[in-house]
Amino acid sequence: MLDNCQHVLLGCCDAAAGFLEKIGSIGRVRFQDSITIIGSDERVLRVKDSPLPVPLHLVPSIVATNYLSVREKIGLARALTALSSHEPGENCSAREYLQSLSCPDSVIKRLVEPITISALNECAASASAESVRMLLLKVFMESRDGYRLGVPSAPLTEIVEAPALRYLTKRGCKTRLETKVARVNTSGKRVRSLTLNSGKTISSDAYVMAVPPWSLEQMGLEQFGGDRLHWRPIVGVHLFLDYIDPDFDCACIAGEPFGWVFNKTNDFGLEFACLHAVASAADNIVGRSKRELVELALRAAKKASPPVSKSILKRALVYRAPRATFSTTASSKSARPGNITPLSNIFLAGDWTDTPWPATIESAVRSGRAAAQAVIDS
């Protein structure tokens, strides 16, 4: 019933939304009308739409807030205006790029950094400027709904797995669950067959490998460049409480290791409260004890929803993902392989392959489409 970590979509994730619509589960994703960011000084920014045309539609909510000073708002406006016409230099970090656009460091820290960490699993000082530029343009400037946060109201098994299996089965596809490929058997520049963990072998005209690069190596293949990628951790903590504000949905907590808190109580119809705190770019805390991680998660939850301070913690579940996503630095671009491999009938898919997006559901779906097209073209 509980996902390891909360996955979300942005309104600009067209491929991911199209995929969920195709398999019939997009209706179970709630797209928020506003994004709430809570600062360390407890000031709140709610980014929301207005009647103004794109790209001015979010301006009123930013102008009206006391989350940013007048100087910071002017600096942000100047930087966003320059985004479209100023491309970053090669090997430039997001922080360096935004500073070159006269974006104040305080805006980078209080607004851009929370977005960068949650979307790219990377801090602005090391994140690729190209990735952050694309993200900011799509979220703030290119479409009216780009900023909207889509939060699944059910576990991923019900959002992706079950509906995808139904979709495939109706079209005559066979799916083998709990079946591992022990080895990929090659002959020259082609894959001859797969040996399964049961000892059985199967063969096909073409193969799409949608696994992490280290799994390729375990099957006897090279990693096709994935071995040059670096990886970033994510930590998730599920907090079970005796009470929580039923009107609270989710919030971004700037300056906290656990940068997002989600209220999952209503989604599961529970008799008790369930909050999910997520820490991205969690290199500094992934090795800490369960007690320390729960305390940090509770600290973020109290900022997101004050009634947590008066609640009793009944139970907590901690999940660590040391290799949750690849590191979206400038050097990662050259290490991401394409869909076509040196083996003529094997193709790659996965969010770590060469798409314009960082490691997201959007990148995964785009890679799957590209791999399918590569099979067709071959």
Protein backbone atom coordinates (compact mmCIF):
# COMPACT_ATOMS: atom_id res chain seq x y z
CA MET A 1 0.00 0.00 0.00
CA LEU A 2 2.95 2.35 0.64
CA ASP A 3 5.38 3.45 -2.05
CA ASN A 4 9.04 3.59 -1.07
CA CYS A 5 9.06 7.28 -1.97
CA GLN A 6 6.39 9.64 -3.27
CA HIS A 7 6.45 10.06 -7.04
CA VAL A 8 4.86 13.14 -8.60
CA LEU A 9 4.28 14.60 -12.05
CA LEU A 10 4.50 18.19 -13.17
CA GLY A 11 1.96 19.66 -15.57
CA CYS A 12 4.75 19.94 -18.15
CA CYS A 13 5.34 16.15 -18.12
CA ASP A 14 3.39 15.53 -21.33
CA ALA A 15 4.78 12.06 -22.11
CA ALA A 16 4.17 10.72 -18.60
CA ALA A 17 0.63 12.10 -18.50
CA GLY A 18 -0.04 10.65 -21.95
CA PHE A 19 1.22 7.25 -20.82
CA LEU A 20 -1.05 7.22 -17.76
CA GLU A 21 -3.97 8.35 -19.91
CA LYS A 22 -3.31 5.53 -22.36
CA ILE A 23 -3.36 2.85 -19.65
CA GLY A 24 -6.37 4.48 -17.97
CA SER A 25 -5.00 5.75 -14.64
CA ILE A 26 -4.46 9.49 -15.18
CA GLY A 27 -7.71 10.13 -13.28
CA ARG A 28 -6.01 8.91 -10.10
CA VAL A 29 -3.47 11.74 -10.20
CA ARG A 30 -4.53 14.97 -8.44
CA PHE A 31 -3.06 18.06 -10.08
CA GLN A 32 -2.73 20.87 -7.52
CA ASP A 33 -3.88 24.39 -8.40
CA SER A 34 -1.05 25.85 -6.31
CA ILE A 35 2.39 24.87 -5.02
CA THR A 36 3.15 25.78 -1.40
CA ILE A 37 6.74 26.56 -0.36
CA ILE A 38 7.43 27.23 3.33
CA GLY A 39 10.67 29.03 4.21
CA SER A 40 12.90 28.65 7.25
CA ASP A 41 11.40 31.89 8.58
CA GLU A 42 7.92 30.32 8.17
CA ARG A 43 7.00 32.73 5.39
CA VAL A 44 4.89 31.05 2.72
CA LEU A 45 4.88 31.28 -1.07
CA ARG A 46 1.90 29.87 -2.95
CA VAL A 47 2.56 29.77 -6.66
CA LYS A 48 -0.74 29.73 -8.54
CA ASP A 49 -2.35 30.66 -11.84
CA SER A 50 -3.96 33.98 -12.74
CA PRO A 51 -5.97 35.31 -15.74
CA LEU A 52 -2.82 36.90 -17.20
CA PRO A 53 -1.45 35.30 -20.39
CA VAL A 54 1.55 32.96 -20.38
CA PRO A 55 4.33 33.62 -19.35
CA LEU A 56 2.92 36.26 -16.99
CA HIS A 57 0.30 33.96 -15.45
CA LEU A 58 2.28 33.23 -12.25
CA VAL A 59 3.51 36.79 -11.70
CA PRO A 60 0.64 37.99 -9.42
CA SER A 61 1.20 35.19 -6.90
CA ILE A 62 4.92 35.96 -6.73
CA VAL A 63 4.40 39.73 -6.53
CA ALA A 64 1.83 39.38 -3.74
CA THR A 65 3.95 37.20 -1.46
CA ASN A 66 6.20 38.37 1.38
CA TYR A 67 8.28 35.23 0.90
CA LEU A 68 10.63 37.29 -1.32
CA SER A 69 11.74 40.88 -0.84
CA VAL A 70 11.19 43.53 -3.52
CA ARG A 71 14.86 43.25 -4.53
CA GLU A 72 14.57 39.46 -4.79
CA LYS A 73 11.42 39.72 -6.90
CA ILE A 74 13.14 42.10 -9.32
CA GLY A 75 16.15 39.80 -9.52
CA LEU A 76 13.94 36.78 -10.15
CA ALA A 77 12.02 38.60 -12.90
CA ARG A 78 15.29 39.64 -14.55
CA ALA A 79 16.65 36.06 -14.45
CA LEU A 80 13.47 34.47 -15.79
CA THR A 81 13.30 37.01 -18.60
CA ALA A 82 16.88 36.17 -19.61
CA LEU A 83 16.35 32.38 -19.51
CA SER A 84 14.88 32.12 -23.00
CA SER A 85 17.64 34.00 -24.79
CA HIS A 86 20.74 33.07 -22.77
CA GLU A 87 21.94 29.48 -23.02
CA PRO A 88 24.42 28.22 -20.42
CA GLY A 89 28.03 27.48 -21.22
CA GLU A 90 29.39 23.95 -21.41
CA ASN A 91 30.10 22.32 -18.02
CA CYS A 92 28.31 25.19 -16.26
CA SER A 93 26.48 24.52 -12.98
CA ALA A 94 22.98 25.79 -12.32
CA ARG A 95 24.20 28.18 -9.65
CA GLU A 96 26.87 29.67 -11.93
CA TYR A 97 24.37 30.04 -14.75
CA LEU A 98 21.71 31.75 -12.62
CA GLN A 99 24.31 34.06 -11.10
CA SER A 100 25.32 35.07 -14.63
CA LEU A 101 21.68 36.09 -15.18
CA SER A 102 21.85 38.33 -12.07
CA CYS A 103 19.61 36.04 -10.04
CA PRO A 104 20.22 36.83 -6.32
CA ASP A 105 21.82 34.03 -4.28
CA SER A 106 18.96 34.29 -1.79
CA VAL A 107 16.44 33.50 -4.57
CA ILE A 108 18.54 30.54 -5.69
CA LYS A 109 18.59 29.25 -2.12
CA ARG A 110 14.95 29.87 -1.21
CA LEU A 111 13.15 29.20 -4.51
CA VAL A 112 15.31 27.58 -7.19
CA GLU A 113 17.16 25.19 -4.86
CA PRO A 114 14.00 23.51 -3.50
CA ILE A 115 12.73 23.00 -7.07
CA THR A 116 16.11 21.73 -8.28
CA ILE A 117 16.57 19.29 -5.41
CA SER A 118 13.07 17.83 -5.65
CA ALA A 119 12.95 17.58 -9.46
CA LEU A 120 16.58 16.71 -10.26
CA ASN A 121 17.74 15.16 -6.97
CA GLU A 122 20.68 17.56 -7.18
CA CYS A 123 21.68 20.85 -5.52
CA ALA A 124 22.12 23.96 -7.64
CA ALA A 125 25.88 24.07 -7.08
CA SER A 126 26.38 20.79 -8.95
CA ALA A 127 23.25 20.40 -11.10
CA SER A 128 23.59 20.82 -14.84
CA ALA A 129 22.70 24.36 -15.90
CA GLU A 130 21.13 22.97 -19.07
CA SER A 131 18.77 20.71 -17.07
CA VAL A 132 17.78 23.46 -14.65
CA ARG A 133 17.18 25.94 -17.48
CA MET A 134 14.89 23.46 -19.25
CA LEU A 135 13.05 22.76 -15.99
CA LEU A 136 12.49 26.43 -15.11
CA LEU A 137 11.30 27.28 -18.62
CA LYS A 138 8.80 24.42 -18.62
CA VAL A 139 7.59 24.99 -15.07
CA PHE A 140 7.27 28.79 -15.11
CA MET A 141 7.12 30.07 -18.66
CA GLU A 142 6.12 27.74 -21.49
CA SER A 143 2.61 26.66 -20.55
CA ARG A 144 -0.17 27.58 -18.15
CA ASP A 145 -0.20 24.21 -16.40
CA GLY A 146 3.54 23.51 -16.37
CA TYR A 147 3.91 24.35 -12.66
CA ARG A 148 1.01 22.19 -11.46
CA LEU A 149 2.01 19.30 -9.22
CA GLY A 150 0.35 15.95 -9.92
CA VAL A 151 0.23 13.72 -6.83
CA PRO A 152 -0.98 10.11 -7.26
CA SER A 153 -3.87 9.26 -4.96
CA ALA A 154 -2.92 5.56 -4.95
CA PRO A 155 0.27 3.49 -4.78
CA LEU A 156 2.28 3.06 -7.97
CA THR A 157 1.10 -0.56 -8.18
CA GLU A 158 -2.38 0.84 -8.88
CA ILE A 159 -1.21 3.81 -10.97
CA VAL A 160 1.26 1.98 -13.23
CA GLU A 161 1.66 -1.75 -12.68
CA ALA A 162 -1.92 -3.07 -12.58
CA PRO A 163 -3.36 -0.87 -15.37
CA ALA A 164 -0.30 -1.46 -17.57
CA LEU A 165 -0.65 -5.23 -17.16
CA ARG A 166 -4.34 -5.00 -18.10
CA TYR A 167 -3.48 -2.89 -21.14
CA LEU A 168 -0.83 -5.38 -22.32
CA THR A 169 -2.92 -8.48 -21.63
CA LYS A 170 -5.85 -7.12 -23.68
CA ARG A 171 -3.45 -6.77 -26.62
CA GLY A 172 -2.17 -10.33 -26.48
CA CYS A 173 1.09 -9.67 -24.63
CA LYS A 174 2.56 -12.22 -22.23
CA THR A 175 4.03 -10.98 -18.96
CA ARG A 176 6.24 -13.07 -16.69
CA LEU A 177 6.28 -11.76 -13.12
CA GLU A 178 8.97 -12.72 -10.58
CA THR A 179 11.16 -13.86 -13.48
CA LYS A 180 14.77 -12.75 -13.69
CA VAL A 181 17.10 -12.87 -16.64
CA ALA A 182 20.17 -14.68 -15.34
CA ARG A 183 22.21 -14.19 -18.49
CA VAL A 184 22.04 -12.66 -21.95
CA ASN A 185 23.57 -15.07 -24.47
CA THR A 186 25.24 -13.37 -27.44
CA SER A 187 26.65 -14.57 -30.71
CA GLY A 188 28.80 -12.07 -32.55
CA LYS A 189 26.95 -8.74 -32.58
CA ARG A 190 23.53 -10.21 -31.78
CA VAL A 191 21.67 -11.59 -28.79
CA ARG A 192 20.92 -15.25 -29.36
CA SER A 193 18.74 -15.94 -26.29
CA LEU A 194 18.04 -15.17 -22.64
CA THR A 195 18.61 -17.65 -19.83
CA LEU A 196 16.05 -17.17 -17.03
CA ASN A 197 16.60 -17.86 -13.34
CA SER A 198 14.57 -21.06 -13.79
CA GLY A 199 17.14 -22.32 -16.31
CA LYS A 200 14.73 -21.94 -19.23
CA THR A 201 15.90 -20.07 -22.32
CA ILE A 202 13.78 -17.82 -24.53
CA SER A 203 14.64 -16.11 -27.77
CA SER A 204 13.15 -13.23 -29.71
CA ASP A 205 13.77 -11.01 -32.72
CA ALA A 206 14.56 -7.98 -30.56
CA TYR A 207 15.04 -7.12 -26.89
CA VAL A 208 14.47 -3.90 -24.94
CA MET A 209 16.37 -3.76 -21.65
CA ALA A 210 14.61 -1.41 -19.19
CA VAL A 211 16.86 -1.94 -16.17
CA PRO A 212 19.58 0.06 -14.34
CA PRO A 213 23.08 -0.15 -15.83
CA TRP A 214 24.45 -2.38 -13.06
CA SER A 215 21.73 -4.93 -13.82
CA LEU A 216 23.00 -5.12 -17.40
CA GLU A 217 26.40 -6.09 -16.05
CA GLN A 218 24.85 -8.77 -13.83
CA MET A 219 23.33 -10.30 -16.98
CA GLY A 220 26.70 -10.45 -18.73
CA LEU A 221 26.42 -7.24 -20.75
CA GLU A 222 28.48 -4.09 -20.61
CA GLN A 223 26.85 -1.00 -19.10
CA PHE A 224 27.02 0.97 -22.39
CA GLY A 225 28.33 4.08 -20.61
CA GLY A 226 26.13 3.82 -17.52
CA ASP A 227 29.20 2.86 -15.50
CA ARG A 228 30.38 6.47 -15.85
CA LEU A 229 27.26 7.89 -14.22
CA HIS A 230 27.25 8.90 -10.56
CA TRP A 231 24.24 8.30 -8.34
CA ARG A 232 22.31 10.26 -5.74
CA PRO A 233 20.27 8.93 -2.77
CA ILE A 234 16.71 9.64 -1.67
CA VAL A 235 15.27 8.91 1.79
CA GLY A 236 11.58 8.51 2.54
CA VAL A 237 9.94 8.36 5.97
CA HIS A 238 6.32 7.35 6.56
CA LEU A 239 4.97 8.88 9.77
CA PHE A 240 1.86 7.38 11.39
CA LEU A 241 0.21 9.83 13.78
CA ASP A 242 -2.95 10.01 15.88
CA TYR A 243 -4.04 13.32 14.32
CA ILE A 244 -3.30 15.61 11.38
CA ASP A 245 -4.96 18.59 9.73
CA PRO A 246 -7.33 17.06 7.14
CA ASP A 247 -7.04 20.19 4.96
CA PHE A 248 -3.27 19.83 4.56
CA ASP A 249 -2.26 18.17 1.28
CA CYS A 250 1.43 18.70 0.55
CA ALA A 251 4.14 21.34 0.91
CA CYS A 252 7.75 22.03 0.01
CA ILE A 253 9.87 22.91 3.06
CA ALA A 254 12.84 25.07 2.04
CA GLY A 255 16.06 24.62 3.99
CA GLU A 256 15.15 21.22 5.48
CA PRO A 257 16.75 17.88 4.54
CA PHE A 258 13.22 16.50 4.10
CA GLY A 259 12.09 18.98 1.47
CA TRP A 260 8.57 17.65 0.83
CA VAL A 261 5.78 16.41 3.09
CA PHE A 262 2.67 14.69 1.70
CA ASN A 263 -0.57 13.85 3.52
CA LYS A 264 -1.53 10.31 2.45
CA THR A 265 -4.32 9.83 5.02
CA ASN A 266 -7.28 10.53 2.74
CA ASP A 267 -5.78 8.55 -0.16
CA PHE A 268 -5.76 5.33 1.85
CA GLY A 269 -8.94 5.92 3.87
CA LEU A 270 -7.10 5.19 7.10
CA GLU A 271 -8.45 5.58 10.63
CA PHE A 272 -5.14 7.18 11.59
CA ALA A 273 -2.96 9.80 9.93
CA CYS A 274 -0.13 9.00 7.52
CA LEU A 275 2.38 11.62 6.41
CA HIS A 276 5.19 10.91 3.97
CA ALA A 277 8.36 13.02 4.17
CA VAL A 278 10.87 12.81 1.31
CA ALA A 279 14.51 13.92 1.32
CA SER A 280 16.11 14.27 -2.12
CA ALA A 281 19.84 14.83 -2.71
CA ALA A 282 20.15 13.08 0.65
CA ASP A 283 23.91 12.39 0.60
CA ASN A 284 24.39 14.03 4.01
CA ILE A 285 21.69 12.05 5.84
CA VAL A 286 21.28 8.70 4.08
CA GLY A 287 23.68 7.03 6.54
CA ARG A 288 22.07 8.39 9.69
CA SER A 289 20.17 6.22 12.17
CA LYS A 290 16.45 5.61 11.91
CA ARG A 291 15.86 7.72 15.02
CA GLU A 292 17.70 10.70 13.54
CA LEU A 293 15.88 10.41 10.20
CA VAL A 294 12.49 10.23 11.92
CA GLU A 295 13.33 13.34 13.98
CA LEU A 296 14.30 15.25 10.82
CA ALA A 297 11.13 14.09 9.05
CA LEU A 298 8.99 15.16 12.02
CA ARG A 299 10.69 18.57 12.05
CA ALA A 300 9.71 19.11 8.42
CA ALA A 301 6.19 17.76 9.03
CA LYS A 302 5.65 20.23 11.89
CA LYS A 303 6.52 23.12 9.58
CA ALA A 304 4.23 21.77 6.87
CA SER A 305 1.31 21.16 9.23
CA PRO A 306 1.43 22.72 12.75
CA PRO A 307 -1.07 20.18 14.27
CA VAL A 308 1.71 17.58 13.98
CA SER A 309 3.32 19.25 17.02
CA LYS A 310 0.37 18.10 19.13
CA SER A 311 0.13 14.64 17.59
CA ILE A 312 1.53 11.39 18.94
CA LEU A 313 3.82 9.41 16.64
CA LYS A 314 2.54 5.82 16.57
CA ARG A 315 5.01 4.33 14.12
CA ALA A 316 7.56 5.30 11.47
CA LEU A 317 8.90 3.45 8.44
CA VAL A 318 12.21 4.56 6.88
CA TYR A 319 13.28 3.77 3.32
CA ARG A 320 16.73 4.50 1.93
CA ALA A 321 17.52 4.42 -1.80
CA PRO A 322 21.31 4.94 -2.16
CA ARG A 323 21.11 4.89 -5.98
CA ALA A 324 17.70 6.48 -6.50
CA THR A 325 18.65 8.54 -9.58
CA PHE A 326 21.75 9.35 -11.56
CA SER A 327 23.52 12.59 -10.71
CA THR A 328 22.35 15.36 -13.05
CA THR A 329 25.68 17.14 -13.37
CA ALA A 330 27.01 18.65 -16.59
CA SER A 331 29.30 15.63 -17.08
CA SER A 332 26.37 13.16 -16.94
CA LYS A 333 25.16 14.10 -20.42
CA SER A 334 28.06 12.37 -22.20
CA ALA A 335 27.65 9.23 -20.07
CA ARG A 336 23.96 8.65 -20.87
CA PRO A 337 23.73 6.07 -23.68
CA GLY A 338 21.22 6.18 -26.50
CA ASN A 339 18.66 3.49 -27.20
CA ILE A 340 20.77 1.72 -29.84
CA THR A 341 23.64 -0.51 -28.66
CA PRO A 342 26.57 -2.25 -30.41
CA LEU A 343 24.41 -5.40 -30.38
CA SER A 344 22.09 -5.14 -33.37
CA ASN A 345 18.95 -6.54 -31.72
CA ILE A 346 19.18 -5.18 -28.19
CA PHE A 347 17.91 -1.72 -27.23
CA LEU A 348 17.96 0.32 -24.03
CA ALA A 349 15.21 2.11 -22.13
CA GLY A 350 15.24 3.78 -18.74
CA ASP A 351 15.30 7.24 -17.21
CA TRP A 352 19.12 7.11 -17.17
CA THR A 353 19.40 6.81 -20.95
CA ASP A 354 19.89 9.81 -23.23
CA THR A 355 16.70 11.91 -23.02
CA PRO A 356 16.50 15.68 -22.52
CA TRP A 357 15.01 15.08 -19.05
CA PRO A 358 16.61 14.18 -15.70
CA ALA A 359 15.77 10.90 -13.95
CA THR A 360 11.98 11.17 -13.81
CA ILE A 361 8.90 9.24 -14.91
CA GLU A 362 8.83 11.64 -17.86
CA SER A 363 12.34 10.56 -18.89
CA ALA A 364 11.43 6.89 -18.47
CA VAL A 365 8.37 7.17 -20.72
CA ARG A 366 10.28 9.14 -23.36
CA SER A 367 13.05 6.54 -23.35
CA GLY A 368 10.50 3.75 -23.80
CA ARG A 369 8.96 5.48 -26.80
CA ALA A 370 12.40 6.04 -28.33
CA ALA A 371 13.39 2.40 -27.75
CA ALA A 372 10.17 1.17 -29.35
CA GLN A 373 10.79 3.40 -32.36
CA ALA A 374 14.35 2.10 -32.61
CA VAL A 375 13.02 -1.47 -32.73
CA ILE A 376 10.58 -0.51 -35.48
CA ASP A 377 13.28 1.28 -37.46
CA SER A 378 15.58 -1.73 -37.23
